[in-house]
Amino acid sequence: MTKAIEQIGVFERLRSGEPIRLSDPEYYKINEVVGRTIKLSQLLNTATDVNSIRDCLSEIIGVRIDDSTTIFAPFYTNFGKFISIGKNVFINHACSFLDMGGITIEDDVLIGPKVNLITENHPLDPGDRKALLTKPIIIKRNAWIGAGATILPGVTIGENSVVAAGAVVSRDVPPNIVVGGVPAKIIRSIPHSKS
């Protein structure tokens, strides 16, 4: 391992999209975060009110989630450390956030039940397949992600846009657009509100 790589920690390298292999000398740090998240997720998913759910998820991500945001349990994340959630966000039941590449959810976003946000991938090469490859997901202000949609690594959902239920989104979605299907394609534009 070169001196330059030693100075850049595994979390920074993970967020940068560099392949991280099981043989990485700092891989244990990823496992430590995953272990902590698994334990805290049990508390989150047995919480009996939205305030307790918000408190548990705040502890998982390491930043206080605004009181205007509501998350319903169950909620699943494998890492949690790289999730950022804005104000007035609603996240419905049974969503799964795989966030090692970073997930940013801006203000006023609606996320339907059973939505999957996946920032992690693996190389096609069978000999290197267990390496982690990550790219961030960004969901811009006032977007709506429909029930059962899956957003893949590296995708940005534009402001005010809608992802139809069940869609699989593998490319960026421009602002003010409705996309749907597998793979998701543009269905129509959203007219601007006069208010």
N, C-alpha and C. Protein backbone atom coordinates (compact mmCIF):
# COMPACT_ATOMS: atom_id res chain seq x y z
N MET A 1 0.85 -1.18 0.00
CA MET A 1 0.00 0.00 0.00
C MET A 1 0.89 1.24 0.00
N THR A 2 0.60 2.18 -0.87
CA THR A 2 1.43 3.38 -0.94
C THR A 2 1.12 4.32 0.21
N LYS A 3 2.08 5.22 0.45
CA LYS A 3 1.90 6.18 1.53
C LYS A 3 0.69 7.07 1.29
N ALA A 4 0.43 7.46 0.03
CA ALA A 4 -0.73 8.31 -0.28
C ALA A 4 -2.03 7.61 0.09
N ILE A 5 -2.15 6.32 -0.22
CA ILE A 5 -3.37 5.57 0.12
C ILE A 5 -3.51 5.44 1.63
N GLU A 6 -2.38 5.25 2.33
CA GLU A 6 -2.44 5.13 3.79
C GLU A 6 -3.00 6.40 4.42
N GLN A 7 -2.73 7.57 3.81
CA GLN A 7 -3.19 8.83 4.38
C GLN A 7 -4.67 9.06 4.12
N ILE A 8 -5.22 8.42 3.12
CA ILE A 8 -6.65 8.55 2.82
C ILE A 8 -7.35 7.35 3.42
N GLY A 9 -8.27 7.59 4.35
CA GLY A 9 -8.94 6.51 5.05
C GLY A 9 -9.90 5.74 4.15
N VAL A 10 -10.27 4.56 4.63
CA VAL A 10 -11.14 3.68 3.85
C VAL A 10 -12.50 4.32 3.57
N PHE A 11 -13.01 5.14 4.48
CA PHE A 11 -14.31 5.76 4.26
C PHE A 11 -14.25 6.79 3.11
N GLU A 12 -13.17 7.56 3.08
CA GLU A 12 -12.99 8.52 1.98
C GLU A 12 -12.82 7.78 0.66
N ARG A 13 -12.04 6.69 0.67
CA ARG A 13 -11.85 5.91 -0.55
C ARG A 13 -13.15 5.25 -1.00
N LEU A 14 -13.95 4.80 -0.04
CA LEU A 14 -15.26 4.21 -0.35
C LEU A 14 -16.15 5.24 -1.03
N ARG A 15 -16.21 6.44 -0.46
CA ARG A 15 -17.06 7.51 -1.02
C ARG A 15 -16.56 7.99 -2.38
N SER A 16 -15.25 7.85 -2.64
CA SER A 16 -14.69 8.32 -3.91
C SER A 16 -14.96 7.36 -5.06
N GLY A 17 -15.47 6.16 -4.74
CA GLY A 17 -15.75 5.18 -5.78
C GLY A 17 -14.59 4.24 -6.08
N GLU A 18 -13.50 4.38 -5.33
CA GLU A 18 -12.37 3.46 -5.49
C GLU A 18 -12.81 2.05 -5.11
N PRO A 19 -12.42 1.03 -5.87
CA PRO A 19 -12.77 -0.35 -5.47
C PRO A 19 -12.18 -0.67 -4.09
N ILE A 20 -13.01 -1.19 -3.21
CA ILE A 20 -12.57 -1.59 -1.88
C ILE A 20 -12.72 -3.11 -1.79
N ARG A 21 -11.61 -3.78 -1.56
CA ARG A 21 -11.60 -5.24 -1.53
C ARG A 21 -11.57 -5.76 -0.09
N LEU A 22 -12.02 -7.00 0.08
CA LEU A 22 -12.03 -7.61 1.41
C LEU A 22 -10.63 -7.66 2.01
N SER A 23 -9.61 -7.68 1.18
CA SER A 23 -8.22 -7.74 1.65
C SER A 23 -7.69 -6.38 2.09
N ASP A 24 -8.46 -5.31 1.92
CA ASP A 24 -8.02 -3.97 2.31
C ASP A 24 -7.70 -3.97 3.81
N PRO A 25 -6.53 -3.45 4.22
CA PRO A 25 -6.18 -3.47 5.64
C PRO A 25 -7.13 -2.68 6.54
N GLU A 26 -7.94 -1.79 5.96
CA GLU A 26 -8.89 -1.03 6.77
C GLU A 26 -10.33 -1.53 6.63
N TYR A 27 -10.51 -2.67 5.96
CA TYR A 27 -11.88 -3.18 5.76
C TYR A 27 -12.59 -3.42 7.09
N TYR A 28 -11.83 -3.71 8.13
CA TYR A 28 -12.44 -3.95 9.44
C TYR A 28 -13.24 -2.74 9.92
N LYS A 29 -12.84 -1.53 9.49
CA LYS A 29 -13.57 -0.32 9.90
C LYS A 29 -14.97 -0.31 9.29
N ILE A 30 -15.10 -0.78 8.06
CA ILE A 30 -16.42 -0.90 7.43
C ILE A 30 -17.26 -1.90 8.22
N ASN A 31 -16.67 -3.05 8.55
CA ASN A 31 -17.40 -4.07 9.32
C ASN A 31 -17.83 -3.56 10.69
N GLU A 32 -17.02 -2.71 11.31
CA GLU A 32 -17.40 -2.15 12.61
C GLU A 32 -18.65 -1.27 12.48
N VAL A 33 -18.69 -0.43 11.44
CA VAL A 33 -19.87 0.42 11.23
C VAL A 33 -21.09 -0.44 10.93
N VAL A 34 -20.91 -1.45 10.07
CA VAL A 34 -22.03 -2.35 9.73
C VAL A 34 -22.56 -3.04 10.99
N GLY A 35 -21.67 -3.54 11.84
CA GLY A 35 -22.10 -4.20 13.08
C GLY A 35 -22.88 -3.27 13.99
N ARG A 36 -22.40 -2.04 14.14
CA ARG A 36 -23.11 -1.05 14.97
C ARG A 36 -24.48 -0.74 14.37
N THR A 37 -24.54 -0.60 13.04
CA THR A 37 -25.80 -0.29 12.37
C THR A 37 -26.81 -1.42 12.52
N ILE A 38 -26.36 -2.66 12.44
CA ILE A 38 -27.25 -3.81 12.64
C ILE A 38 -27.88 -3.76 14.03
N LYS A 39 -27.07 -3.47 15.05
CA LYS A 39 -27.60 -3.40 16.42
C LYS A 39 -28.61 -2.26 16.57
N LEU A 40 -28.25 -1.08 16.07
CA LEU A 40 -29.16 0.07 16.20
C LEU A 40 -30.43 -0.11 15.36
N SER A 41 -30.32 -0.82 14.24
CA SER A 41 -31.49 -1.06 13.39
C SER A 41 -32.55 -1.90 14.10
N GLN A 42 -32.10 -2.78 14.98
CA GLN A 42 -33.07 -3.57 15.76
C GLN A 42 -33.91 -2.65 16.63
N LEU A 43 -33.27 -1.65 17.25
CA LEU A 43 -34.02 -0.68 18.06
C LEU A 43 -34.96 0.15 17.19
N LEU A 44 -34.45 0.59 16.04
CA LEU A 44 -35.26 1.40 15.13
C LEU A 44 -36.52 0.63 14.72
N ASN A 45 -36.34 -0.63 14.37
CA ASN A 45 -37.45 -1.40 13.81
C ASN A 45 -38.39 -1.99 14.85
N THR A 46 -38.11 -1.76 16.13
CA THR A 46 -39.05 -2.12 17.18
C THR A 46 -39.62 -0.88 17.88
N ALA A 47 -39.23 0.30 17.39
CA ALA A 47 -39.73 1.55 17.97
C ALA A 47 -41.24 1.64 17.76
N THR A 48 -41.91 2.28 18.70
CA THR A 48 -43.37 2.32 18.67
C THR A 48 -43.95 3.68 18.28
N ASP A 49 -43.10 4.65 17.95
CA ASP A 49 -43.61 5.94 17.48
C ASP A 49 -42.57 6.60 16.57
N VAL A 50 -43.03 7.58 15.78
CA VAL A 50 -42.16 8.20 14.78
C VAL A 50 -41.01 8.98 15.40
N ASN A 51 -41.21 9.53 16.60
CA ASN A 51 -40.12 10.25 17.26
C ASN A 51 -38.98 9.30 17.63
N SER A 52 -39.31 8.13 18.13
CA SER A 52 -38.29 7.14 18.48
C SER A 52 -37.58 6.62 17.24
N ILE A 53 -38.32 6.43 16.15
CA ILE A 53 -37.71 5.99 14.88
C ILE A 53 -36.71 7.06 14.42
N ARG A 54 -37.13 8.32 14.45
CA ARG A 54 -36.25 9.42 14.04
C ARG A 54 -35.00 9.47 14.92
N ASP A 55 -35.18 9.29 16.22
CA ASP A 55 -34.04 9.30 17.13
C ASP A 55 -33.06 8.17 16.82
N CYS A 56 -33.58 6.98 16.59
CA CYS A 56 -32.71 5.83 16.28
C CYS A 56 -31.97 6.03 14.97
N LEU A 57 -32.67 6.52 13.93
CA LEU A 57 -32.00 6.74 12.65
C LEU A 57 -30.98 7.87 12.75
N SER A 58 -31.28 8.88 13.57
CA SER A 58 -30.30 9.95 13.80
C SER A 58 -29.02 9.38 14.40
N GLU A 59 -29.15 8.46 15.32
CA GLU A 59 -27.97 7.84 15.93
C GLU A 59 -27.20 7.00 14.90
N ILE A 60 -27.91 6.30 14.04
CA ILE A 60 -27.26 5.50 13.00
C ILE A 60 -26.46 6.39 12.06
N ILE A 61 -27.06 7.48 11.58
CA ILE A 61 -26.37 8.31 10.59
C ILE A 61 -25.40 9.31 11.22
N GLY A 62 -25.53 9.55 12.52
CA GLY A 62 -24.59 10.42 13.21
C GLY A 62 -24.92 11.90 13.12
N VAL A 63 -26.12 12.22 12.64
CA VAL A 63 -26.58 13.61 12.53
C VAL A 63 -28.05 13.64 12.92
N ARG A 64 -28.43 14.65 13.67
CA ARG A 64 -29.82 14.78 14.08
C ARG A 64 -30.72 15.06 12.88
N ILE A 65 -31.73 14.21 12.68
CA ILE A 65 -32.72 14.40 11.63
C ILE A 65 -33.75 15.41 12.13
N ASP A 66 -34.11 16.35 11.28
CA ASP A 66 -35.05 17.40 11.65
C ASP A 66 -36.40 16.82 12.07
N ASP A 67 -37.03 17.45 13.05
CA ASP A 67 -38.33 16.98 13.56
C ASP A 67 -39.44 17.03 12.52
N SER A 68 -39.24 17.78 11.43
CA SER A 68 -40.25 17.85 10.37
C SER A 68 -40.23 16.62 9.47
N THR A 69 -39.24 15.77 9.62
CA THR A 69 -39.10 14.57 8.78
C THR A 69 -39.70 13.37 9.48
N THR A 70 -40.40 12.54 8.71
CA THR A 70 -41.05 11.34 9.25
C THR A 70 -40.54 10.11 8.52
N ILE A 71 -40.15 9.10 9.28
CA ILE A 71 -39.73 7.81 8.74
C ILE A 71 -40.59 6.74 9.39
N PHE A 72 -41.16 5.85 8.59
CA PHE A 72 -41.92 4.72 9.12
C PHE A 72 -41.04 3.47 9.12
N ALA A 73 -41.21 2.69 10.17
CA ALA A 73 -40.52 1.39 10.26
C ALA A 73 -41.41 0.33 9.61
N PRO A 74 -40.83 -0.77 9.12
CA PRO A 74 -39.40 -1.02 9.17
C PRO A 74 -38.64 -0.18 8.16
N PHE A 75 -37.37 0.09 8.50
CA PHE A 75 -36.45 0.82 7.64
C PHE A 75 -35.14 0.06 7.69
N TYR A 76 -34.51 -0.12 6.53
CA TYR A 76 -33.31 -0.94 6.47
C TYR A 76 -32.14 -0.14 5.88
N THR A 77 -31.00 -0.24 6.52
CA THR A 77 -29.75 0.27 5.96
C THR A 77 -28.63 -0.66 6.40
N ASN A 78 -27.65 -0.83 5.53
CA ASN A 78 -26.53 -1.71 5.87
C ASN A 78 -25.38 -0.94 6.48
N PHE A 79 -25.36 0.38 6.33
CA PHE A 79 -24.22 1.19 6.77
C PHE A 79 -24.69 2.40 7.56
N GLY A 80 -25.45 3.28 6.92
CA GLY A 80 -26.08 4.40 7.62
C GLY A 80 -25.23 5.65 7.73
N LYS A 81 -23.95 5.50 7.82
CA LYS A 81 -23.03 6.62 8.06
C LYS A 81 -23.05 7.66 6.95
N PHE A 82 -23.42 7.26 5.72
CA PHE A 82 -23.37 8.16 4.57
C PHE A 82 -24.76 8.55 4.07
N ILE A 83 -25.76 8.58 4.98
CA ILE A 83 -27.11 9.05 4.63
C ILE A 83 -27.27 10.47 5.13
N SER A 84 -27.80 11.34 4.27
CA SER A 84 -28.13 12.71 4.64
C SER A 84 -29.59 12.96 4.27
N ILE A 85 -30.40 13.38 5.26
CA ILE A 85 -31.84 13.56 5.06
C ILE A 85 -32.21 15.00 5.42
N GLY A 86 -32.90 15.68 4.51
CA GLY A 86 -33.30 17.07 4.71
C GLY A 86 -34.55 17.23 5.57
N LYS A 87 -35.16 18.40 5.47
CA LYS A 87 -36.36 18.75 6.23
C LYS A 87 -37.60 18.38 5.44
N ASN A 88 -38.70 18.13 6.17
CA ASN A 88 -40.01 17.84 5.57
C ASN A 88 -39.97 16.65 4.62
N VAL A 89 -39.16 15.68 4.95
CA VAL A 89 -39.04 14.45 4.15
C VAL A 89 -39.98 13.41 4.74
N PHE A 90 -40.60 12.61 3.88
CA PHE A 90 -41.42 11.49 4.33
C PHE A 90 -40.89 10.21 3.69
N ILE A 91 -40.57 9.23 4.52
CA ILE A 91 -40.07 7.93 4.05
C ILE A 91 -41.04 6.87 4.58
N ASN A 92 -41.72 6.18 3.67
CA ASN A 92 -42.74 5.20 4.04
C ASN A 92 -42.11 3.86 4.46
N HIS A 93 -42.96 2.89 4.77
CA HIS A 93 -42.55 1.59 5.30
C HIS A 93 -41.63 0.81 4.37
N ALA A 94 -40.73 0.02 4.97
CA ALA A 94 -39.96 -1.04 4.31
C ALA A 94 -39.02 -0.55 3.21
N CYS A 95 -38.45 0.65 3.40
CA CYS A 95 -37.45 1.14 2.45
C CYS A 95 -36.08 0.59 2.82
N SER A 96 -35.23 0.45 1.80
CA SER A 96 -33.89 -0.09 1.99
C SER A 96 -32.87 0.86 1.37
N PHE A 97 -31.98 1.39 2.21
CA PHE A 97 -30.95 2.34 1.76
C PHE A 97 -29.58 1.69 1.93
N LEU A 98 -28.94 1.31 0.83
CA LEU A 98 -27.57 0.81 0.85
C LEU A 98 -26.68 2.00 0.50
N ASP A 99 -26.07 2.60 1.51
CA ASP A 99 -25.54 3.95 1.39
C ASP A 99 -24.02 4.08 1.41
N MET A 100 -23.27 3.02 1.19
CA MET A 100 -21.81 3.15 1.26
C MET A 100 -21.25 4.15 0.26
N GLY A 101 -21.99 4.42 -0.81
CA GLY A 101 -21.57 5.43 -1.79
C GLY A 101 -22.11 6.82 -1.48
N GLY A 102 -23.01 6.92 -0.51
CA GLY A 102 -23.59 8.20 -0.13
C GLY A 102 -24.99 8.39 -0.70
N ILE A 103 -25.93 8.70 0.18
CA ILE A 103 -27.31 9.01 -0.22
C ILE A 103 -27.66 10.38 0.35
N THR A 104 -28.04 11.29 -0.53
CA THR A 104 -28.47 12.62 -0.11
C THR A 104 -29.92 12.80 -0.52
N ILE A 105 -30.76 13.08 0.48
CA ILE A 105 -32.18 13.34 0.24
C ILE A 105 -32.44 14.78 0.67
N GLU A 106 -32.75 15.62 -0.30
CA GLU A 106 -32.97 17.03 0.00
C GLU A 106 -34.35 17.26 0.60
N ASP A 107 -34.66 18.50 0.93
CA ASP A 107 -35.92 18.87 1.59
C ASP A 107 -37.14 18.51 0.74
N ASP A 108 -38.24 18.22 1.45
CA ASP A 108 -39.58 18.05 0.86
C ASP A 108 -39.72 16.83 -0.05
N VAL A 109 -38.86 15.85 0.09
CA VAL A 109 -38.91 14.63 -0.73
C VAL A 109 -39.91 13.65 -0.14
N LEU A 110 -40.66 12.96 -1.01
CA LEU A 110 -41.56 11.88 -0.61
C LEU A 110 -41.00 10.57 -1.15
N ILE A 111 -40.89 9.57 -0.27
CA ILE A 111 -40.40 8.25 -0.68
C ILE A 111 -41.44 7.21 -0.28
N GLY A 112 -41.98 6.52 -1.28
CA GLY A 112 -43.03 5.54 -1.06
C GLY A 112 -42.52 4.27 -0.39
N PRO A 113 -43.43 3.35 -0.07
CA PRO A 113 -43.03 2.11 0.59
C PRO A 113 -42.18 1.23 -0.33
N LYS A 114 -41.30 0.46 0.29
CA LYS A 114 -40.47 -0.55 -0.38
C LYS A 114 -39.56 0.03 -1.47
N VAL A 115 -39.16 1.28 -1.30
CA VAL A 115 -38.20 1.89 -2.24
C VAL A 115 -36.79 1.42 -1.88
N ASN A 116 -36.00 1.14 -2.90
CA ASN A 116 -34.60 0.72 -2.73
C ASN A 116 -33.68 1.78 -3.31
N LEU A 117 -32.79 2.31 -2.48
CA LEU A 117 -31.75 3.23 -2.93
C LEU A 117 -30.43 2.48 -2.78
N ILE A 118 -29.80 2.14 -3.91
CA ILE A 118 -28.65 1.24 -3.92
C ILE A 118 -27.44 1.99 -4.47
N THR A 119 -26.46 2.29 -3.62
CA THR A 119 -25.25 3.00 -4.07
C THR A 119 -24.08 2.05 -4.29
N GLU A 120 -24.29 0.77 -4.09
CA GLU A 120 -23.19 -0.19 -4.12
C GLU A 120 -23.32 -1.15 -5.29
N ASN A 121 -22.17 -1.52 -5.84
CA ASN A 121 -22.12 -2.45 -6.95
C ASN A 121 -20.85 -3.29 -6.81
N HIS A 122 -20.63 -4.18 -7.76
CA HIS A 122 -19.45 -5.05 -7.75
C HIS A 122 -18.92 -5.17 -9.18
N PRO A 123 -17.62 -5.42 -9.34
CA PRO A 123 -17.06 -5.59 -10.69
C PRO A 123 -17.65 -6.81 -11.39
N LEU A 124 -17.69 -6.75 -12.72
CA LEU A 124 -18.16 -7.89 -13.51
C LEU A 124 -17.16 -9.05 -13.48
N ASP A 125 -15.88 -8.74 -13.36
CA ASP A 125 -14.83 -9.75 -13.34
C ASP A 125 -15.08 -10.73 -12.17
N PRO A 126 -15.34 -12.02 -12.46
CA PRO A 126 -15.63 -12.97 -11.39
C PRO A 126 -14.53 -13.06 -10.35
N GLY A 127 -13.28 -12.86 -10.76
CA GLY A 127 -12.17 -12.93 -9.82
C GLY A 127 -12.11 -11.76 -8.86
N ASP A 128 -12.81 -10.68 -9.17
CA ASP A 128 -12.78 -9.47 -8.33
C ASP A 128 -14.18 -9.08 -7.87
N ARG A 129 -15.12 -9.98 -8.02
CA ARG A 129 -16.53 -9.64 -7.83
C ARG A 129 -16.89 -9.19 -6.41
N LYS A 130 -16.14 -9.60 -5.41
CA LYS A 130 -16.48 -9.22 -4.04
C LYS A 130 -16.03 -7.82 -3.67
N ALA A 131 -15.27 -7.16 -4.56
CA ALA A 131 -14.88 -5.77 -4.31
C ALA A 131 -16.13 -4.89 -4.34
N LEU A 132 -16.08 -3.82 -3.55
CA LEU A 132 -17.18 -2.84 -3.53
C LEU A 132 -16.86 -1.69 -4.47
N LEU A 133 -17.82 -1.34 -5.31
CA LEU A 133 -17.76 -0.15 -6.15
C LEU A 133 -18.96 0.71 -5.77
N THR A 134 -18.73 1.96 -5.46
CA THR A 134 -19.84 2.80 -5.00
C THR A 134 -19.94 4.08 -5.81
N LYS A 135 -21.18 4.56 -5.94
CA LYS A 135 -21.47 5.86 -6.55
C LYS A 135 -22.65 6.45 -5.79
N PRO A 136 -22.65 7.76 -5.55
CA PRO A 136 -23.72 8.37 -4.74
C PRO A 136 -25.06 8.47 -5.46
N ILE A 137 -26.11 8.55 -4.66
CA ILE A 137 -27.46 8.86 -5.12
C ILE A 137 -27.85 10.19 -4.51
N ILE A 138 -28.41 11.07 -5.34
CA ILE A 138 -28.91 12.36 -4.86
C ILE A 138 -30.36 12.49 -5.30
N ILE A 139 -31.23 12.76 -4.33
CA ILE A 139 -32.64 13.01 -4.63
C ILE A 139 -32.90 14.47 -4.30
N LYS A 140 -33.14 15.25 -5.34
CA LYS A 140 -33.28 16.70 -5.19
C LYS A 140 -34.63 17.09 -4.59
N ARG A 141 -34.70 18.32 -4.18
CA ARG A 141 -35.84 18.90 -3.48
C ARG A 141 -37.17 18.60 -4.18
N ASN A 142 -38.14 18.21 -3.36
CA ASN A 142 -39.53 18.04 -3.77
C ASN A 142 -39.75 16.89 -4.76
N ALA A 143 -38.79 15.98 -4.87
CA ALA A 143 -38.99 14.80 -5.73
C ALA A 143 -39.90 13.80 -5.01
N TRP A 144 -40.51 12.93 -5.79
CA TRP A 144 -41.40 11.88 -5.26
C TRP A 144 -40.98 10.56 -5.88
N ILE A 145 -40.60 9.61 -5.01
CA ILE A 145 -40.19 8.29 -5.46
C ILE A 145 -41.32 7.32 -5.13
N GLY A 146 -41.95 6.73 -6.15
CA GLY A 146 -43.11 5.88 -5.97
C GLY A 146 -42.79 4.52 -5.37
N ALA A 147 -43.82 3.86 -4.88
CA ALA A 147 -43.70 2.56 -4.19
C ALA A 147 -42.92 1.54 -5.01
N GLY A 148 -41.99 0.88 -4.35
CA GLY A 148 -41.27 -0.22 -4.97
C GLY A 148 -40.26 0.18 -6.03
N ALA A 149 -39.98 1.46 -6.18
CA ALA A 149 -38.98 1.90 -7.16
C ALA A 149 -37.58 1.56 -6.66
N THR A 150 -36.66 1.37 -7.60
CA THR A 150 -35.26 1.14 -7.27
C THR A 150 -34.42 2.18 -7.99
N ILE A 151 -33.58 2.87 -7.22
CA ILE A 151 -32.66 3.85 -7.77
C ILE A 151 -31.26 3.24 -7.67
N LEU A 152 -30.54 3.17 -8.79
CA LEU A 152 -29.25 2.49 -8.87
C LEU A 152 -28.09 3.47 -8.63
N PRO A 153 -26.87 2.94 -8.44
CA PRO A 153 -25.72 3.79 -8.11
C PRO A 153 -25.47 4.90 -9.11
N GLY A 154 -25.12 6.08 -8.57
CA GLY A 154 -24.72 7.21 -9.39
C GLY A 154 -25.84 8.05 -9.95
N VAL A 155 -27.08 7.79 -9.56
CA VAL A 155 -28.24 8.48 -10.14
C VAL A 155 -28.61 9.71 -9.31
N THR A 156 -28.92 10.79 -10.02
CA THR A 156 -29.50 11.98 -9.41
C THR A 156 -30.93 12.12 -9.93
N ILE A 157 -31.87 12.29 -8.99
CA ILE A 157 -33.27 12.54 -9.34
C ILE A 157 -33.49 14.05 -9.23
N GLY A 158 -33.89 14.68 -10.32
CA GLY A 158 -34.00 16.14 -10.38
C GLY A 158 -35.12 16.70 -9.52
N GLU A 159 -35.02 17.97 -9.23
CA GLU A 159 -36.01 18.69 -8.42
C GLU A 159 -37.40 18.55 -9.02
N ASN A 160 -38.38 18.28 -8.16
CA ASN A 160 -39.80 18.15 -8.50
C ASN A 160 -40.14 16.91 -9.33
N SER A 161 -39.18 16.09 -9.67
CA SER A 161 -39.45 14.94 -10.54
C SER A 161 -40.14 13.81 -9.79
N VAL A 162 -40.77 12.93 -10.57
CA VAL A 162 -41.50 11.79 -10.02
C VAL A 162 -40.97 10.52 -10.65
N VAL A 163 -40.67 9.53 -9.81
CA VAL A 163 -40.31 8.19 -10.27
C VAL A 163 -41.52 7.31 -10.01
N ALA A 164 -42.10 6.75 -11.08
CA ALA A 164 -43.32 5.95 -10.96
C ALA A 164 -43.06 4.68 -10.15
N ALA A 165 -44.10 4.16 -9.56
CA ALA A 165 -44.02 2.93 -8.76
C ALA A 165 -43.41 1.81 -9.59
N GLY A 166 -42.49 1.07 -8.99
CA GLY A 166 -41.89 -0.09 -9.62
C GLY A 166 -40.80 0.21 -10.63
N ALA A 167 -40.50 1.46 -10.87
CA ALA A 167 -39.47 1.81 -11.86
C ALA A 167 -38.09 1.41 -11.36
N VAL A 168 -37.19 1.15 -12.32
CA VAL A 168 -35.78 0.92 -12.02
C VAL A 168 -35.01 2.01 -12.74
N VAL A 169 -34.40 2.90 -11.96
CA VAL A 169 -33.76 4.09 -12.52
C VAL A 169 -32.25 3.89 -12.53
N SER A 170 -31.68 3.88 -13.74
CA SER A 170 -30.24 3.67 -13.90
C SER A 170 -29.53 4.90 -14.46
N ARG A 171 -30.30 5.95 -14.80
CA ARG A 171 -29.72 7.19 -15.34
C ARG A 171 -30.34 8.38 -14.64
N ASP A 172 -29.61 9.48 -14.66
CA ASP A 172 -30.11 10.71 -14.04
C ASP A 172 -31.47 11.10 -14.61
N VAL A 173 -32.30 11.66 -13.74
CA VAL A 173 -33.63 12.15 -14.12
C VAL A 173 -33.59 13.67 -14.06
N PRO A 174 -33.89 14.37 -15.16
CA PRO A 174 -33.88 15.84 -15.14
C PRO A 174 -34.96 16.38 -14.20
N PRO A 175 -34.89 17.65 -13.86
CA PRO A 175 -35.95 18.25 -13.04
C PRO A 175 -37.29 18.25 -13.77
N ASN A 176 -38.38 18.21 -12.98
CA ASN A 176 -39.75 18.38 -13.50
C ASN A 176 -40.14 17.35 -14.55
N ILE A 177 -39.78 16.10 -14.31
CA ILE A 177 -40.03 15.01 -15.26
C ILE A 177 -40.64 13.84 -14.51
N VAL A 178 -41.51 13.09 -15.19
CA VAL A 178 -42.01 11.81 -14.66
C VAL A 178 -41.32 10.71 -15.45
N VAL A 179 -40.73 9.74 -14.72
CA VAL A 179 -40.13 8.57 -15.36
C VAL A 179 -40.80 7.31 -14.83
N GLY A 180 -40.79 6.26 -15.64
CA GLY A 180 -41.35 4.98 -15.21
C GLY A 180 -40.85 3.86 -16.09
N GLY A 181 -41.03 2.63 -15.60
CA GLY A 181 -40.66 1.46 -16.37
C GLY A 181 -39.34 0.84 -15.96
N VAL A 182 -38.99 -0.25 -16.66
CA VAL A 182 -37.76 -0.98 -16.39
C VAL A 182 -37.05 -1.22 -17.71
N PRO A 183 -35.96 -0.54 -18.00
CA PRO A 183 -35.40 0.57 -17.23
C PRO A 183 -36.28 1.82 -17.39
N ALA A 184 -36.16 2.73 -16.42
CA ALA A 184 -37.02 3.92 -16.43
C ALA A 184 -36.74 4.80 -17.64
N LYS A 185 -37.83 5.28 -18.21
CA LYS A 185 -37.77 6.21 -19.35
C LYS A 185 -38.68 7.40 -19.05
N ILE A 186 -38.43 8.51 -19.72
CA ILE A 186 -39.25 9.70 -19.51
C ILE A 186 -40.66 9.43 -20.04
N ILE A 187 -41.65 9.71 -19.20
CA ILE A 187 -43.06 9.55 -19.57
C ILE A 187 -43.64 10.90 -19.99
N ARG A 188 -43.36 11.92 -19.19
CA ARG A 188 -43.84 13.27 -19.53
C ARG A 188 -43.17 14.29 -18.63
N SER A 189 -43.39 15.55 -18.97
CA SER A 189 -42.87 16.63 -18.11
C SER A 189 -43.98 17.05 -17.15
N ILE A 190 -43.58 17.74 -16.11
CA ILE A 190 -44.52 18.23 -15.09
C ILE A 190 -44.70 19.71 -15.30
N PRO A 191 -45.94 20.19 -15.49
CA PRO A 191 -46.14 21.63 -15.67
C PRO A 191 -45.80 22.38 -14.38
N HIS A 192 -45.31 23.58 -14.54
CA HIS A 192 -44.97 24.42 -13.37
C HIS A 192 -46.24 24.91 -12.69
N SER A 193 -46.21 24.91 -11.37
CA SER A 193 -47.34 25.40 -10.58
C SER A 193 -47.42 26.91 -10.69
N LYS A 194 -48.65 27.44 -10.68
CA LYS A 194 -48.85 28.89 -10.75
C LYS A 194 -48.89 29.53 -9.37
N SER A 195 -48.79 28.70 -8.32
CA SER A 195 -48.87 29.28 -6.97
C SER A 195 -47.57 29.89 -6.52
